[in-house]
Structure formats: C-alpha cells, structure tokens
Amino acid sequence: VQLQASGGGLVQPGGSLRLSCASSGSISSIVIMGWYRQAPGKQRGLVASITSGGSTNYADSVKGRFTISREKDKNTVYLQMNSLKPEDTAAYYCSAVTNIPAANYWGRGTQVTVSS
C-alpha cells in the first residue's frame, strides 16, 4: 500500500485546510485509515480515523472542528480542518492498516502551520 498525502500549508488562526490522502496498491485489504500528527518535540498521535465500514474516531482536541471522510471510487481519504488553532501546527501523516497481511503503512508527512 502506498499513501500520498497533500494539502498542508500555512493558514491563519480560525482558518481551514483540507488534507487529502490518496492510496494505491493492495487497497482492498485496508481496514482503517487515519491521520496522525507530530509537533516538534512531541510524540505522534492520532487525529482521526475511519474504518472500512465508515465508523469514525477523533481525538478530543479536534472534535467538532475536524472531519474525516473518504471517497471510495478515488481511494482517497480527506481531513477537513476548520477553526484551526496554533496548537494544530504539526506534520500530519496519513496511515493505513491492512488485515492481509497485518501491517501499518505511512505516507510522507504534510506540514500544517497555523500562525498569524
């Protein structure tokens, strides 16, 4: 499975960005896709995830502001980020978990900077 993330950039506080993660390869075995983020000096943590059945999960810090969604025919997962705060600044990584084989795949990070 290959993952290609895009959509990061510089945005002012209160602004919005949409991240995209295009997947290719053995995508039929993907059971969960998610977005993680890592700020300098901090551990990488889950932002949001979506299962193959469409169930979603969010970190408490982004609930009500971020929305994860998927477009099956484009094999793409999106992260719509609204009401961005400076503390959302981080490198954002797309992740995919497969069941056969059991594996976790990562895309290259895309930088999101929230600053005035």
C-alpha atoms as a PDB file:
ATOM      1  CA  VAL A   1       0.000   0.000   0.000  1.00  0.00           C
ATOM      2  CA  GLN A   2       1.301   3.424  -0.960  1.00  0.00           C
ATOM      3  CA  LEU A   3      -0.056   6.607   0.557  1.00  0.00           C
ATOM      4  CA  GLN A   4       0.327  10.106  -0.843  1.00  0.00           C
ATOM      5  CA  ALA A   5      -0.674  12.961   1.441  1.00  0.00           C
ATOM      6  CA  SER A   6      -1.198  16.532   0.297  1.00  0.00           C
ATOM      7  CA  GLY A   7      -2.943  19.747   1.235  1.00  0.00           C
ATOM      8  CA  GLY A   8      -0.826  21.169   4.039  1.00  0.00           C
ATOM      9  CA  GLY A   9       0.202  24.788   4.226  1.00  0.00           C
ATOM     10  CA  LEU A  10       0.203  27.995   6.209  1.00  0.00           C
ATOM     11  CA  VAL A  11      -3.117  29.282   7.497  1.00  0.00           C
ATOM     12  CA  GLN A  12      -4.204  31.940   9.964  1.00  0.00           C
ATOM     13  CA  PRO A  13      -5.923  31.010  13.227  1.00  0.00           C
ATOM     14  CA  GLY A  14      -9.582  30.346  12.602  1.00  0.00           C
ATOM     15  CA  GLY A  15      -8.919  29.286   9.030  1.00  0.00           C
ATOM     16  CA  SER A  16      -9.493  25.988   7.251  1.00  0.00           C
ATOM     17  CA  LEU A  17      -7.474  23.433   5.327  1.00  0.00           C
ATOM     18  CA  ARG A  18      -8.315  20.121   3.709  1.00  0.00           C
ATOM     19  CA  LEU A  19      -5.780  17.329   3.653  1.00  0.00           C
ATOM     20  CA  SER A  20      -6.002  14.505   1.133  1.00  0.00           C
ATOM     21  CA  CYS A  21      -4.520  11.023   1.257  1.00  0.00           C
ATOM     22  CA  ALA A  22      -4.567   9.002  -1.943  1.00  0.00           C
ATOM     23  CA  SER A  23      -3.948   5.288  -1.564  1.00  0.00           C
ATOM     24  CA  SER A  24      -2.768   2.776  -4.142  1.00  0.00           C
ATOM     25  CA  GLY A  25      -1.613  -0.822  -4.200  1.00  0.00           C
ATOM     26  CA  SER A  26      -3.386  -3.523  -2.183  1.00  0.00           C
ATOM     27  CA  ILE A  27      -6.134  -1.165  -1.048  1.00  0.00           C
ATOM     28  CA  SER A  28      -8.765  -3.904  -0.789  1.00  0.00           C
ATOM     29  CA  SER A  29      -7.070  -5.115   2.393  1.00  0.00           C
ATOM     30  CA  ILE A  30      -7.251  -1.712   4.126  1.00  0.00           C
ATOM     31  CA  VAL A  31      -9.458  -1.851   7.235  1.00  0.00           C
ATOM     32  CA  ILE A  32      -8.685   1.515   8.820  1.00  0.00           C
ATOM     33  CA  MET A  33      -7.255   4.773   7.536  1.00  0.00           C
ATOM     34  CA  GLY A  34      -6.260   7.617   9.741  1.00  0.00           C
ATOM     35  CA  TRP A  35      -4.489  10.901  10.176  1.00  0.00           C
ATOM     36  CA  TYR A  36      -1.825  11.385  12.800  1.00  0.00           C
ATOM     37  CA  ARG A  37       0.189  14.466  13.665  1.00  0.00           C
ATOM     38  CA  GLN A  38       3.507  15.186  15.266  1.00  0.00           C
ATOM     39  CA  ALA A  39       4.661  18.550  16.537  1.00  0.00           C
ATOM     40  CA  PRO A  40       8.347  19.253  17.246  1.00  0.00           C
ATOM     41  CA  GLY A  41       9.422  17.595  20.488  1.00  0.00           C
ATOM     42  CA  LYS A  42       6.170  15.677  20.839  1.00  0.00           C
ATOM     43  CA  GLN A  43       5.059  12.148  20.095  1.00  0.00           C
ATOM     44  CA  ARG A  44       2.972  11.308  17.070  1.00  0.00           C
ATOM     45  CA  GLY A  45      -0.683  10.995  17.991  1.00  0.00           C
ATOM     46  CA  LEU A  46      -3.971  10.087  16.382  1.00  0.00           C
ATOM     47  CA  VAL A  47      -6.068  12.921  14.988  1.00  0.00           C
ATOM     48  CA  ALA A  48      -8.869  10.983  13.308  1.00  0.00           C
ATOM     49  CA  SER A  49      -9.564   7.593  11.787  1.00  0.00           C
ATOM     50  CA  ILE A  50     -12.192   5.949   9.623  1.00  0.00           C
ATOM     51  CA  THR A  51     -12.863   2.248   9.202  1.00  0.00           C
ATOM     52  CA  SER A  52     -13.789   0.402   6.033  1.00  0.00           C
ATOM     53  CA  GLY A  53     -17.320   0.355   7.411  1.00  0.00           C
ATOM     54  CA  GLY A  54     -17.360   4.128   7.769  1.00  0.00           C
ATOM     55  CA  SER A  55     -17.032   4.423  11.557  1.00  0.00           C
ATOM     56  CA  THR A  56     -15.025   7.442  12.641  1.00  0.00           C
ATOM     57  CA  ASN A  57     -12.975   8.311  15.685  1.00  0.00           C
ATOM     58  CA  TYR A  58     -11.474  11.663  16.705  1.00  0.00           C
ATOM     59  CA  ALA A  59      -9.011  12.976  19.231  1.00  0.00           C
ATOM     60  CA  ASP A  60     -10.805  15.067  21.844  1.00  0.00           C
ATOM     61  CA  SER A  61      -8.787  18.116  20.841  1.00  0.00           C
ATOM     62  CA  VAL A  62     -10.246  18.166  17.316  1.00  0.00           C
ATOM     63  CA  LYS A  63     -13.826  17.027  17.886  1.00  0.00           C
ATOM     64  CA  GLY A  64     -16.286  19.447  16.351  1.00  0.00           C
ATOM     65  CA  ARG A  65     -13.578  21.102  14.241  1.00  0.00           C
ATOM     66  CA  PHE A  66     -12.133  18.330  12.063  1.00  0.00           C
ATOM     67  CA  THR A  67     -13.975  15.861   9.849  1.00  0.00           C
ATOM     68  CA  ILE A  68     -12.527  12.730   8.279  1.00  0.00           C
ATOM     69  CA  SER A  69     -14.213  11.338   5.188  1.00  0.00           C
ATOM     70  CA  ARG A  70     -13.455   9.074   2.276  1.00  0.00           C
ATOM     71  CA  GLU A  71     -14.196   8.843  -1.409  1.00  0.00           C
ATOM     72  CA  LYS A  72     -14.100   5.135  -2.237  1.00  0.00           C
ATOM     73  CA  ASP A  73     -14.039   5.472  -6.020  1.00  0.00           C
ATOM     74  CA  LYS A  74     -10.964   7.700  -5.732  1.00  0.00           C
ATOM     75  CA  ASN A  75      -9.338   5.633  -2.969  1.00  0.00           C
ATOM     76  CA  THR A  76      -8.857   8.880  -1.099  1.00  0.00           C
ATOM     77  CA  VAL A  77      -9.378   9.932   2.494  1.00  0.00           C
ATOM     78  CA  TYR A  78      -9.784  13.573   3.471  1.00  0.00           C
ATOM     79  CA  LEU A  79      -9.332  15.540   6.654  1.00  0.00           C
ATOM     80  CA  GLN A  80     -11.315  18.768   6.678  1.00  0.00           C
ATOM     81  CA  MET A  81      -9.869  21.043   9.327  1.00  0.00           C
ATOM     82  CA  ASN A  82     -11.866  24.079  10.421  1.00  0.00           C
ATOM     83  CA  SER A  83     -11.365  26.653  13.165  1.00  0.00           C
ATOM     84  CA  LEU A  84      -7.663  25.925  13.165  1.00  0.00           C
ATOM     85  CA  LYS A  85      -5.608  26.890  16.193  1.00  0.00           C
ATOM     86  CA  PRO A  86      -1.871  27.475  16.592  1.00  0.00           C
ATOM     87  CA  GLU A  87      -1.693  24.249  18.595  1.00  0.00           C
ATOM     88  CA  ASP A  88      -2.795  22.339  15.494  1.00  0.00           C
ATOM     89  CA  THR A  89       0.577  23.144  13.947  1.00  0.00           C
ATOM     90  CA  ALA A  90       2.322  19.862  13.168  1.00  0.00           C
ATOM     91  CA  ALA A  91       3.384  17.472  10.476  1.00  0.00           C
ATOM     92  CA  TYR A  92       0.332  15.428   9.510  1.00  0.00           C
ATOM     93  CA  TYR A  93       0.731  11.816   8.444  1.00  0.00           C
ATOM     94  CA  CYS A  94      -1.690   9.525   6.675  1.00  0.00           C
ATOM     95  CA  SER A  95      -1.858   5.930   7.887  1.00  0.00           C
ATOM     96  CA  ALA A  96      -3.448   2.738   6.607  1.00  0.00           C
ATOM     97  CA  VAL A  97      -3.903  -0.540   8.463  1.00  0.00           C
ATOM     98  CA  THR A  98      -4.368  -3.726   6.472  1.00  0.00           C
ATOM     99  CA  ASN A  99      -5.605  -7.135   7.608  1.00  0.00           C
ATOM    100  CA  ILE A 100      -3.914  -9.312   4.986  1.00  0.00           C
ATOM    101  CA  PRO A 101      -1.105  -9.016   5.680  1.00  0.00           C
ATOM    102  CA  ALA A 102      -1.480  -7.394   9.086  1.00  0.00           C
ATOM    103  CA  ALA A 103       0.511  -4.228   8.581  1.00  0.00           C
ATOM    104  CA  ASN A 104       0.559  -0.481   9.149  1.00  0.00           C
ATOM    105  CA  TYR A 105       1.592   1.850   6.345  1.00  0.00           C
ATOM    106  CA  TRP A 106       2.552   5.507   6.495  1.00  0.00           C
ATOM    107  CA  GLY A 107       2.645   8.285   3.974  1.00  0.00           C
ATOM    108  CA  ARG A 108       5.084  11.166   3.987  1.00  0.00           C
ATOM    109  CA  GLY A 109       4.064  13.976   6.255  1.00  0.00           C
ATOM    110  CA  THR A 110       2.466  17.189   5.119  1.00  0.00           C
ATOM    111  CA  GLN A 111       3.146  20.286   7.192  1.00  0.00           C
ATOM    112  CA  VAL A 112       0.315  22.345   8.639  1.00  0.00           C
ATOM    113  CA  THR A 113       1.272  25.667  10.200  1.00  0.00           C
ATOM    114  CA  VAL A 114      -1.323  27.829  11.928  1.00  0.00           C
ATOM    115  CA  SER A 115       0.049  31.290  12.552  1.00  0.00           C
ATOM    116  CA  SER A 116      -0.845  34.931  12.133  1.00  0.00           C
END
